[in-house]
Protein backbone atom coordinates (compact mmCIF):
# COMPACT_ATOMS: atom_id res chain seq x y z
CA MET A 1 29.07 101.21 7.00
CA ALA A 2 31.27 98.91 4.75
CA GLU A 3 30.28 98.72 1.61
CA VAL A 4 32.61 96.52 -0.59
CA GLU A 5 32.55 97.42 -4.70
CA LEU A 6 34.41 95.84 -7.56
CA ARG A 7 33.98 97.54 -10.87
CA ASN A 8 35.54 95.56 -14.03
CA VAL A 9 38.02 93.90 -12.12
CA GLY A 10 40.66 91.69 -13.76
CA GLN A 11 43.84 89.76 -12.81
CA PHE A 12 46.41 88.16 -14.86
CA PHE A 13 49.50 86.35 -14.61
CA ARG A 14 52.22 85.46 -17.20
CA ARG A 15 53.52 81.87 -16.76
CA SER A 16 57.25 81.15 -16.93
CA GLY A 17 56.90 80.15 -20.54
CA GLY A 18 55.37 83.62 -21.39
CA ALA A 19 51.61 82.73 -21.82
CA LEU A 20 49.13 85.24 -20.33
CA VAL A 21 46.46 83.89 -17.66
CA GLU A 22 43.51 85.48 -16.97
CA ALA A 23 42.80 84.61 -13.30
CA VAL A 24 40.13 86.98 -12.91
CA ALA A 25 38.01 88.37 -15.95
CA ASP A 26 35.96 91.43 -15.74
CA VAL A 27 34.24 90.71 -12.41
CA SER A 28 31.56 93.56 -11.20
CA LEU A 29 30.03 93.06 -7.54
CA VAL A 30 28.79 94.64 -4.60
CA ILE A 31 28.71 93.14 -1.09
CA ARG A 32 26.56 95.24 0.80
CA SER A 33 27.35 96.65 4.45
CA HIS A 34 27.00 93.95 6.75
CA GLU A 35 26.12 91.38 4.43
CA PHE A 36 27.62 87.55 4.47
CA VAL A 37 28.50 86.46 0.91
CA CYS A 38 29.87 83.21 0.03
CA LEU A 39 31.99 82.93 -3.05
CA ILE A 40 31.97 79.37 -4.30
CA GLY A 41 33.35 77.73 -7.45
CA PRO A 42 35.13 74.74 -8.70
CA SER A 43 39.38 74.76 -8.02
CA GLY A 44 41.45 77.37 -10.26
CA CYS A 45 38.08 79.42 -10.79
CA GLY A 46 39.86 82.58 -9.36
CA LYS A 47 37.83 83.00 -6.44
CA THR A 48 40.76 83.02 -3.81
CA THR A 49 42.54 85.53 -6.03
CA LEU A 50 39.79 87.57 -5.89
CA LEU A 51 39.72 87.42 -1.87
CA GLN A 52 43.47 88.61 -2.17
CA LEU A 53 42.32 91.47 -4.23
CA VAL A 54 39.94 92.42 -2.00
CA ALA A 55 42.35 92.14 0.99
CA GLY A 56 44.64 94.26 -0.71
CA LEU A 57 47.49 91.69 -0.92
CA THR A 58 48.05 92.24 -4.77
CA PRO A 59 47.00 95.07 -7.16
CA ALA A 60 44.42 94.24 -9.48
CA SER A 61 45.50 94.32 -13.24
CA GLN A 62 42.40 96.20 -14.04
CA GLY A 63 39.41 97.75 -12.71
CA GLN A 64 38.88 99.27 -9.30
CA ILE A 65 38.19 97.90 -5.70
CA SER A 66 36.47 100.12 -3.17
CA VAL A 67 35.30 100.00 0.38
CA ASP A 68 32.62 103.13 0.98
CA GLY A 69 33.69 104.63 -2.22
CA ALA A 70 37.53 104.73 -1.18
CA ALA A 71 39.70 102.62 -3.43
CA ILE A 72 41.80 99.91 -1.97
CA ALA A 73 45.38 100.51 -1.96
CA GLY A 74 47.25 97.85 0.15
CA PRO A 75 46.35 95.62 3.11
CA SER A 76 44.48 97.03 6.02
CA PRO A 77 43.20 96.39 9.75
CA GLU A 78 39.87 97.04 8.62
CA ARG A 79 39.84 94.44 6.56
CA GLY A 80 40.34 90.94 8.49
CA LEU A 81 41.57 87.59 6.87
CA VAL A 82 41.40 84.37 7.98
CA PHE A 83 43.39 81.74 5.72
CA GLN A 84 42.70 77.90 5.36
CA ARG A 85 46.08 77.30 6.72
CA ASP A 86 46.77 77.90 10.71
CA SER A 87 47.92 81.62 10.73
CA VAL A 88 48.44 81.55 14.34
CA PHE A 89 52.65 82.12 15.32
CA PRO A 90 53.64 78.98 17.16
CA TRP A 91 56.17 80.90 19.20
CA MET A 92 53.74 83.19 20.77
CA ARG A 93 51.28 81.94 23.63
CA THR A 94 47.36 82.05 22.68
CA ILE A 95 46.65 85.35 24.22
CA ASP A 96 49.79 86.92 22.68
CA ASN A 97 48.43 85.84 19.41
CA VAL A 98 45.11 87.39 19.74
CA SER A 99 46.52 90.46 20.85
CA TYR A 100 49.32 90.91 18.38
CA GLY A 101 47.43 93.03 15.92
CA LEU A 102 46.47 95.13 18.57
CA LYS A 103 50.05 95.66 19.79
CA CYS A 104 51.12 96.34 16.06
CA ARG A 105 48.43 99.32 15.82
CA GLY A 106 50.05 100.53 19.20
CA VAL A 107 46.78 99.74 21.67
CA GLU A 108 48.21 99.81 25.21
CA LYS A 109 49.31 96.05 27.00
CA THR A 110 46.44 96.43 29.56
CA LYS A 111 43.89 97.26 27.07
CA ARG A 112 44.86 94.73 24.29
CA ILE A 113 45.12 92.06 26.84
CA GLU A 114 41.69 92.81 28.25
CA ILE A 115 40.19 92.84 24.62
CA ALA A 116 42.16 89.47 23.68
CA ARG A 117 40.62 87.85 26.92
CA GLN A 118 37.17 89.04 26.01
CA TYR A 119 37.21 87.35 22.58
CA LEU A 120 38.99 84.39 23.61
CA ARG A 121 36.02 83.89 26.14
CA GLN A 122 33.48 84.35 23.48
CA VAL A 123 35.27 81.52 21.26
CA GLY A 124 35.52 79.10 24.51
CA LEU A 125 39.08 79.20 24.82
CA GLY A 126 39.31 81.66 28.06
CA ASP A 127 40.97 78.94 29.98
CA VAL A 128 43.96 78.36 27.34
CA GLU A 129 45.31 82.13 27.23
CA ARG A 130 48.60 80.43 28.27
CA SER A 131 48.86 77.30 26.14
CA TRP A 132 51.43 77.51 22.94
CA PRO A 133 49.68 76.65 19.59
CA ARG A 134 51.34 72.75 19.43
CA GLU A 135 49.29 72.44 22.48
CA LEU A 136 45.76 73.20 20.82
CA SER A 137 43.68 71.10 18.37
CA GLY A 138 42.83 72.01 15.03
CA GLY A 139 39.42 73.10 15.89
CA MET A 140 40.80 75.12 18.57
CA LEU A 141 43.73 76.78 16.56
CA LYS A 142 40.45 77.91 14.20
CA ARG A 143 39.07 79.31 17.16
CA VAL A 144 42.26 81.27 17.90
CA ALA A 145 42.12 82.57 14.39
CA VAL A 146 38.68 84.02 14.79
CA ALA A 147 39.15 85.55 17.98
CA THR A 148 42.40 87.16 16.48
CA VAL A 149 40.40 88.49 13.69
CA PHE A 150 37.28 89.94 15.40
CA ALA A 151 39.79 91.33 18.05
CA ASN A 152 40.90 93.64 15.64
CA SER A 153 37.68 95.20 14.85
CA PRO A 154 37.48 94.74 11.46
CA ARG A 155 34.72 96.32 9.18
CA VAL A 156 35.53 93.85 6.43
CA LEU A 157 36.06 90.03 7.15
CA LEU A 158 37.78 87.97 4.26
CA MET A 159 38.05 84.08 5.17
CA ASP A 160 39.55 81.85 2.71
CA GLU A 161 38.33 78.27 3.14
CA PRO A 162 38.93 78.59 6.83
CA PHE A 163 37.00 75.43 7.72
CA ALA A 164 38.06 73.16 4.98
CA ALA A 165 40.53 70.63 6.65
CA LEU A 166 38.12 70.23 9.85
CA ASP A 167 35.96 67.50 10.73
CA TYR A 168 32.07 67.56 9.84
CA VAL A 169 31.13 68.25 13.56
CA THR A 170 33.79 70.89 14.60
CA LYS A 171 32.92 72.65 11.30
CA LEU A 172 29.21 73.02 11.87
CA GLN A 173 30.51 74.04 15.76
CA LEU A 174 32.42 76.86 14.22
CA HIS A 175 29.85 77.87 11.58
CA GLN A 176 27.55 78.76 14.80
CA LEU A 177 30.30 80.60 16.27
CA LEU A 178 31.04 82.38 13.36
CA LEU A 179 27.44 83.55 12.86
CA THR A 180 27.09 84.39 16.60
CA LEU A 181 30.21 86.92 16.15
CA TRP A 182 29.04 88.36 13.05
CA GLU A 183 25.58 88.99 14.66
CA GLN A 184 26.86 90.72 17.24
CA HIS A 185 29.48 92.88 15.41
CA ARG A 186 28.04 92.93 12.11
CA PRO A 187 31.26 93.00 9.67
CA THR A 188 30.76 92.63 6.00
CA VAL A 189 31.82 89.34 5.15
CA LEU A 190 33.40 87.55 1.89
CA PHE A 191 33.92 84.01 2.49
CA VAL A 192 35.39 81.55 -0.14
CA THR A 193 34.25 78.11 -0.12
CA HIS A 194 33.97 75.04 -2.31
CA ASP A 195 31.43 73.39 -0.24
CA VAL A 196 27.77 74.27 -1.09
CA ASP A 197 26.38 73.28 2.01
CA GLU A 198 28.43 75.17 4.00
CA ALA A 199 27.67 78.31 1.87
CA MET A 200 23.90 77.34 2.03
CA LEU A 201 24.17 77.84 6.00
CA LEU A 202 26.15 80.81 6.24
CA ALA A 203 25.07 83.37 3.46
CA ASP A 204 22.65 85.78 2.59
CA ARG A 205 23.90 85.47 -1.26
CA ILE A 206 25.90 82.92 -2.87
CA VAL A 207 28.27 84.27 -5.78
CA VAL A 208 29.52 81.57 -8.12
CA MET A 209 32.65 81.76 -10.24
CA LYS A 210 33.87 79.96 -13.27
CA GLU A 211 36.81 80.43 -15.08
CA GLY A 212 37.45 83.69 -13.71
CA ARG A 213 33.99 85.28 -14.08
CA VAL A 214 30.88 85.47 -12.03
CA VAL A 215 28.28 83.27 -13.67
CA ASP A 216 25.60 83.34 -10.82
CA ASP A 217 24.58 85.59 -7.96
CA ARG A 218 21.76 84.19 -5.70
CA LYS A 219 20.08 85.74 -2.68
CA ILE A 220 19.51 83.07 0.11
CA THR A 221 16.18 83.90 2.23
CA LEU A 222 16.12 80.70 4.38
CA ALA A 223 15.28 82.00 8.13
CA ARG A 224 18.32 82.01 10.24
CA ARG A 225 19.38 80.16 12.26
CA ARG A 226 19.84 77.75 9.66
CA THR A 227 20.42 73.85 10.66
CA VAL A 228 21.65 70.74 9.00
CA GLU A 229 17.43 70.31 8.33
CA SER A 230 17.08 73.45 6.53
CA LEU A 231 18.93 71.90 3.73
CA ALA A 232 16.10 69.76 3.07
CA LEU A 233 13.72 72.33 2.84
CA PRO A 234 12.47 72.90 -0.87
CA GLU A 235 13.91 76.23 -0.98
CA ALA A 236 17.42 74.86 -0.34
CA VAL A 237 16.97 72.02 -2.63
CA ALA A 238 16.43 74.16 -5.38
CA HIS A 239 19.34 76.47 -4.72
CA LYS A 240 21.64 73.35 -4.25
CA GLU A 241 20.66 71.84 -7.48
CA VAL A 242 21.54 74.77 -9.49
CA LEU A 243 24.80 75.13 -7.42
CA LEU A 244 25.76 71.82 -7.97
CA ARG A 245 25.46 72.01 -11.56
CA HIS A 246 27.53 75.10 -11.66
CA LEU A 247 30.28 73.02 -10.17
CA GLY A 248 29.86 70.40 -12.76
CA LEU A 249 28.36 67.90 -10.46
CA GLY A 250 25.00 67.52 -11.77
CA GLU A 251 25.04 63.98 -11.85
CA LEU A 252 24.35 64.38 -8.21
CA VAL A 253 21.33 65.91 -8.85
CA GLN A 254 18.19 63.40 -8.68
CA ASP A 255 16.19 63.57 -11.82
CA ARG A 256 12.69 64.79 -10.41
CA THR A 257 10.91 63.23 -13.84
CA ALA A 258 12.57 59.71 -13.15
CA PRO A 259 10.24 57.12 -11.20
CA LEU A 260 11.31 56.64 -7.70
């Protein structure tokens, strides 16, 4: 079990001029065990700040965040984090990157190398374990990051726009890889994205933030596995229309009353 609960969470910053900024405002949210939740919203709405609070990278100004009832007091290997930017160490070979977290936790070398190799094979990189990061493509580096976080068996997986910089085809391939690993290991997932289609393809629920607040929380019941064609189904189109309006992109939604 790994249920994440946010109760009346707020986060405030003070600008250099002294003005107080409310980045997250009174957010209450429950992410059920094994659930895949996507968090979307316009730039600056507070979604990355909220993810960092759940990661324990910074304490909340108010409210409480807990996993299975235990308050989050700081970072933990039970909460794996994948960033938008590459998070591999350039001075380490691929196998050493994937096994580094296990090394920090005191796992014996033979065992941690065995685990790292297992996950490199699962992400399709079993033949590059001795390669340096500079020798890998952007998509391959993301696969390394995914292998690294799953190798540590996190109960909660936190992802901050991890595939935003990738081309369309590579992104779709990584969606399928991520879903395969999620189905096998069933961590609870909070995935930040600005891409409505990405959220529709991945999520059990989509939570929308605007100006630091949750303004929508909707369950996505489209059958898995979803494909690009799934996004054309009436249920998907209806969800997407609402989500685009939340993002201030209502002009992209077709007026269904207008003549064709």
